[in-house]
Protein backbone atom coordinates (compact mmCIF):
# COMPACT_ATOMS: atom_id res chain seq x y z
CA MET A 1 -9.35 11.82 14.03
CA VAL A 2 -9.22 9.94 10.73
CA LEU A 3 -5.74 9.46 9.32
CA VAL A 4 -5.10 10.35 5.66
CA VAL A 5 -2.86 8.19 3.46
CA ALA A 6 -1.94 9.00 -0.14
CA HIS A 7 -2.90 5.97 -2.26
CA ARG A 8 0.05 5.26 -4.57
CA GLY A 9 1.12 8.81 -3.79
CA PHE A 10 -0.89 11.74 -5.16
CA SER A 11 -1.99 9.42 -7.95
CA ALA A 12 -4.97 11.45 -9.15
CA GLU A 13 -2.65 14.09 -10.61
CA PHE A 14 0.73 12.33 -10.89
CA PRO A 15 1.85 8.95 -12.27
CA GLU A 16 1.09 6.46 -9.53
CA ASN A 17 3.86 4.91 -7.46
CA THR A 18 6.53 7.28 -8.73
CA ASN A 19 8.76 9.80 -7.05
CA PRO A 20 6.73 12.77 -8.44
CA ALA A 21 3.54 11.30 -6.94
CA PHE A 22 5.23 10.65 -3.60
CA GLN A 23 6.82 14.09 -3.40
CA ALA A 24 3.52 15.76 -4.26
CA ALA A 25 1.83 13.76 -1.51
CA LEU A 26 4.49 14.80 1.00
CA ALA A 27 3.65 18.43 0.27
CA CYS A 28 0.23 17.77 1.86
CA PRO A 29 -0.39 17.25 5.59
CA ILE A 30 -0.74 13.48 5.15
CA ASP A 31 -0.23 10.71 7.68
CA GLY A 32 1.31 8.25 5.25
CA ILE A 33 1.76 6.91 1.73
CA GLU A 34 0.57 3.59 0.32
CA THR A 35 2.51 1.85 -2.44
CA ASP A 36 2.72 -1.50 -4.26
CA LEU A 37 5.58 -3.97 -4.52
CA GLN A 38 6.44 -6.77 -6.93
CA LEU A 39 9.42 -9.05 -7.56
CA SER A 40 11.46 -8.87 -10.78
CA ALA A 41 12.88 -11.85 -12.65
CA ASP A 42 16.20 -11.36 -10.83
CA GLU A 43 14.42 -11.20 -7.46
CA GLN A 44 14.63 -7.48 -6.77
CA VAL A 45 11.73 -5.55 -5.25
CA TRP A 46 10.18 -2.90 -7.49
CA VAL A 47 7.43 -0.33 -6.92
CA PHE A 48 4.61 -1.01 -9.38
CA HIS A 49 0.93 -1.89 -9.13
CA ASP A 50 -0.43 -3.42 -12.31
CA ARG A 51 -0.35 -7.07 -13.26
CA SER A 52 0.81 -6.23 -16.79
CA LEU A 53 3.21 -3.60 -18.10
CA ALA A 54 0.62 -2.18 -20.49
CA LYS A 55 1.25 1.34 -19.16
CA VAL A 56 4.78 1.17 -20.56
CA GLY A 57 3.78 -0.41 -23.88
CA MET A 58 4.21 -4.08 -22.91
CA PRO A 59 0.65 -5.43 -22.49
CA SER A 60 1.75 -9.07 -22.80
CA ARG A 61 4.53 -8.81 -20.23
CA CYS A 62 4.50 -8.74 -16.44
CA LEU A 63 7.04 -7.21 -14.12
CA HIS A 64 8.24 -10.62 -12.94
CA HIS A 65 9.16 -11.48 -16.55
CA LEU A 66 11.85 -8.78 -16.69
CA THR A 67 15.20 -8.21 -15.02
CA SER A 68 16.15 -5.11 -13.06
CA GLU A 69 18.41 -4.01 -15.92
CA VAL A 70 15.36 -3.78 -18.20
CA LEU A 71 13.00 -2.35 -15.58
CA SER A 72 15.42 0.45 -14.73
CA GLN A 73 15.16 1.72 -18.33
CA LEU A 74 11.35 1.89 -18.45
CA ASP A 75 9.43 5.17 -18.48
CA VAL A 76 6.52 4.90 -16.02
CA GLY A 77 5.44 8.54 -16.26
CA LEU A 78 4.64 9.17 -19.92
CA TRP A 79 1.34 7.23 -19.81
CA LYS A 80 -0.04 9.86 -17.41
CA ASP A 81 1.12 12.99 -19.24
CA SER A 82 3.99 14.06 -21.48
CA LYS A 83 5.28 16.34 -18.71
CA PHE A 84 6.18 13.21 -16.74
CA LYS A 85 8.22 11.71 -19.56
CA ALA A 86 11.36 9.81 -18.48
CA THR A 87 10.09 9.07 -14.96
CA PRO A 88 11.88 5.91 -13.81
CA MET A 89 10.42 3.03 -11.85
CA LEU A 90 11.63 2.89 -8.25
CA GLN A 91 13.11 0.02 -6.32
CA LEU A 92 12.06 -0.49 -2.71
CA ASP A 93 15.41 0.52 -1.22
CA SER A 94 15.39 3.74 -3.22
CA LEU A 95 11.86 4.50 -2.03
CA LEU A 96 12.79 3.96 1.61
CA ASP A 97 15.93 6.06 1.21
CA ARG A 98 13.95 8.93 -0.36
CA ILE A 99 10.89 9.13 1.87
CA GLY A 100 11.22 6.41 4.49
CA THR A 101 12.06 8.83 7.29
CA LYS A 102 9.51 11.44 6.21
CA THR A 103 6.25 9.54 6.67
CA ARG A 104 4.62 6.21 7.37
CA ILE A 105 4.64 3.90 4.34
CA LEU A 106 2.05 1.19 3.78
CA LEU A 107 3.90 -1.39 1.69
CA GLU A 108 1.45 -3.57 -0.19
CA ILE A 109 2.81 -6.88 -1.38
CA LYS A 110 0.98 -7.64 -4.63
CA VAL A 111 -0.16 -11.24 -4.99
CA ARG A 112 1.01 -11.66 -8.57
CA GLU A 113 2.71 -14.97 -7.88
CA SER A 114 2.40 -17.72 -5.30
CA GLY A 115 4.48 -20.17 -3.30
CA GLU A 116 8.18 -19.53 -2.85
CA ARG A 117 8.28 -16.40 -4.99
CA LEU A 118 5.55 -14.70 -2.98
CA GLN A 119 7.22 -15.73 0.26
CA LEU A 120 10.55 -14.45 -1.03
CA LEU A 121 8.98 -11.09 -1.85
CA GLY A 122 7.54 -10.91 1.65
CA ASP A 123 10.89 -11.72 3.21
CA LYS A 124 12.69 -9.11 1.14
CA VAL A 125 10.20 -6.40 2.06
CA ALA A 126 10.33 -7.30 5.76
CA GLN A 127 14.14 -7.35 5.67
CA ALA A 128 14.17 -3.90 4.05
CA VAL A 129 11.96 -2.56 6.84
CA ALA A 130 14.31 -4.14 9.38
CA THR A 131 17.40 -2.71 7.67
CA HIS A 132 15.90 0.77 7.83
CA GLN A 133 14.95 0.20 11.49
CA ALA A 134 11.38 1.11 10.64
CA PHE A 135 9.20 -1.56 12.27
CA GLU A 136 7.27 1.15 14.15
CA ARG A 137 6.89 3.40 11.10
CA HIS A 138 6.13 1.19 8.10
CA GLU A 139 3.55 -1.56 7.61
CA ILE A 140 3.12 -4.49 5.24
CA LEU A 141 -0.25 -4.97 3.55
CA CYS A 142 -1.41 -8.00 1.59
CA PHE A 143 -4.55 -9.85 0.52
CA ASP A 144 -2.82 -13.15 1.41
CA LEU A 145 -3.43 -13.93 5.09
CA ASP A 146 -1.12 -16.96 5.01
CA LEU A 147 1.77 -14.75 3.93
CA LEU A 148 1.05 -12.24 6.69
CA ARG A 149 0.99 -14.99 9.32
CA TYR A 150 4.29 -16.31 7.97
CA LEU A 151 5.91 -12.86 8.09
CA LYS A 152 4.62 -12.09 11.58
CA ASN A 153 6.08 -15.36 12.85
CA ARG A 154 9.46 -14.55 11.31
CA TYR A 155 9.46 -10.84 12.20
CA PRO A 156 7.41 -10.36 15.39
CA GLN A 157 7.94 -6.57 15.33
CA LEU A 158 6.36 -6.27 11.89
CA ARG A 159 3.03 -4.50 11.53
CA CYS A 160 0.88 -6.62 9.21
CA VAL A 161 -2.36 -5.42 7.63
CA LEU A 162 -4.85 -7.69 5.89
CA ASN A 163 -6.46 -6.28 2.75
CA THR A 164 -9.95 -7.54 2.00
CA GLU A 165 -12.78 -6.77 -0.39
CA MET A 166 -15.42 -8.20 1.96
CA ASP A 167 -16.18 -8.61 5.64
CA ILE A 168 -14.08 -11.58 6.72
CA THR A 169 -14.03 -10.82 10.44
CA ALA A 170 -16.25 -13.76 11.40
CA SER A 171 -13.88 -16.22 9.72
CA LEU A 172 -10.69 -14.99 11.40
CA LYS A 173 -9.23 -17.27 14.07
CA ASP A 174 -7.40 -16.14 17.20
CA GLU A 175 -4.01 -16.73 15.54
CA ASP A 176 -5.10 -14.59 12.60
CA TRP A 177 -6.05 -11.66 14.81
CA GLN A 178 -2.76 -12.01 16.68
CA ALA A 179 -0.83 -11.62 13.42
CA LEU A 180 -2.61 -8.42 12.42
CA HIS A 181 -2.05 -4.78 13.26
CA ALA A 182 -5.09 -3.70 11.22
CA VAL A 183 -7.64 -4.81 8.64
CA SER A 184 -7.96 -2.76 5.45
CA PHE A 185 -11.41 -2.96 3.85
CA ARG A 186 -12.74 -1.85 0.54
CA ILE A 187 -14.75 1.05 1.95
CA GLU A 188 -18.12 -0.24 0.79
CA ALA A 189 -17.46 -3.60 2.53
CA ALA A 190 -16.78 -2.04 5.93
CA SER A 191 -19.91 -2.24 8.08
CA ILE A 192 -20.46 -1.01 11.61
CA GLU A 193 -20.37 -4.64 12.73
CA ALA A 194 -17.08 -5.35 10.94
CA VAL A 195 -15.42 -2.25 12.35
CA LYS A 196 -16.69 -3.10 15.83
CA ALA A 197 -15.29 -6.63 15.54
CA CYS A 198 -11.84 -5.23 14.68
CA HIS A 199 -11.90 -2.62 17.43
CA GLN A 200 -12.97 -5.21 20.00
CA ARG A 201 -9.81 -7.14 19.08
CA GLY A 202 -7.73 -3.99 19.43
CA LYS A 203 -7.13 -3.70 15.69
CA LEU A 204 -7.30 -0.57 13.57
CA VAL A 205 -9.53 -0.35 10.51
CA TYR A 206 -8.29 1.08 7.21
CA GLY A 207 -10.38 1.91 4.14
CA TYR A 208 -9.54 2.03 0.43
CA THR A 209 -9.98 3.98 -1.77
CA CYS A 210 -11.78 7.17 -0.66
CA ASN A 211 -12.23 9.46 -3.66
CA GLN A 212 -15.91 10.41 -3.41
CA GLU A 213 -18.15 12.11 -0.88
CA ASP A 214 -20.45 9.09 -0.51
CA GLN A 215 -17.47 6.90 0.32
CA LEU A 216 -16.31 9.40 2.92
CA ARG A 217 -19.76 9.60 4.50
CA HIS A 218 -19.89 5.82 4.78
CA ALA A 219 -16.36 5.60 6.20
CA LEU A 220 -17.12 8.17 8.88
CA ALA A 221 -20.46 6.55 9.72
CA VAL A 222 -18.93 3.12 10.38
CA GLY A 223 -15.86 4.43 12.22
CA ILE A 224 -12.90 3.73 9.91
CA ASP A 225 -9.61 4.92 11.44
CA LEU A 226 -7.49 5.52 8.31
CA LEU A 227 -8.48 6.37 4.75
CA MET A 228 -6.46 6.05 1.56
CA SER A 229 -7.17 8.43 -1.29
CA ASP A 230 -5.82 9.03 -4.78
CA SER A 231 -6.32 12.74 -4.06
CA PRO A 232 -5.09 13.50 -0.54
CA PRO A 233 -5.72 17.27 -0.89
CA TRP A 234 -9.41 16.59 -1.57
CA LEU A 235 -9.72 14.20 1.39
CA ILE A 236 -7.89 16.59 3.70
CA ARG A 237 -10.25 19.43 2.73
CA ALA A 238 -13.30 17.19 3.07
CA LEU A 239 -12.23 16.16 6.57
CA GLY A 240 -11.46 19.74 7.54
CA VAL A 241 -7.86 18.92 8.45
CA ASP A 242 -5.74 21.99 9.10
CA SER A 243 -2.62 22.35 6.95
């Protein structure tokens, strides 16, 4: 059975990565929610995807430019529709408090910075998972394999998932595979051979982002285990999952 994860919540109909999107996703028979994390100027973890803050009227600014005091005042719902006006941005702790016991959360660490700041973000996310005693429920995703190896060494119980836009299975070393719980492919990049390579190593295969019938057909044909969708109700219906 293919698992269904709401990509940034029910982001097709609600402002992505917000409480309305997460609550709407929870109303569906989903298996988890995916979300995105970045570090503010004062080193707090916030839930937001984009590199710039264009959605909130600041196209020349990035989240890491601003402090939590400023970020807490931003409206991250109005860009989607006026009915979502005054929707606040969430911090990671608030997200985990609200829905952390209700479903699996795939916590994607956005590679918006490098070096010590990226490592600090990874540490803070892993520590939040540890504080909520959720190593078996939540997972950390990232496109940066070095960061995932670092986190797995520091937090052996952590479930780490490598995001990739291409088939990188042939280049992964034994220590890389050992650090990973799963590999998350852009759906079109997941081949039968790539999926087989992961399964032979005992690793799950995730796919992003499944919003169209041709993507679903491909995902099912190659044997992907978990699919993320902006519209979980559509994917659930397409898979024939009972509510």
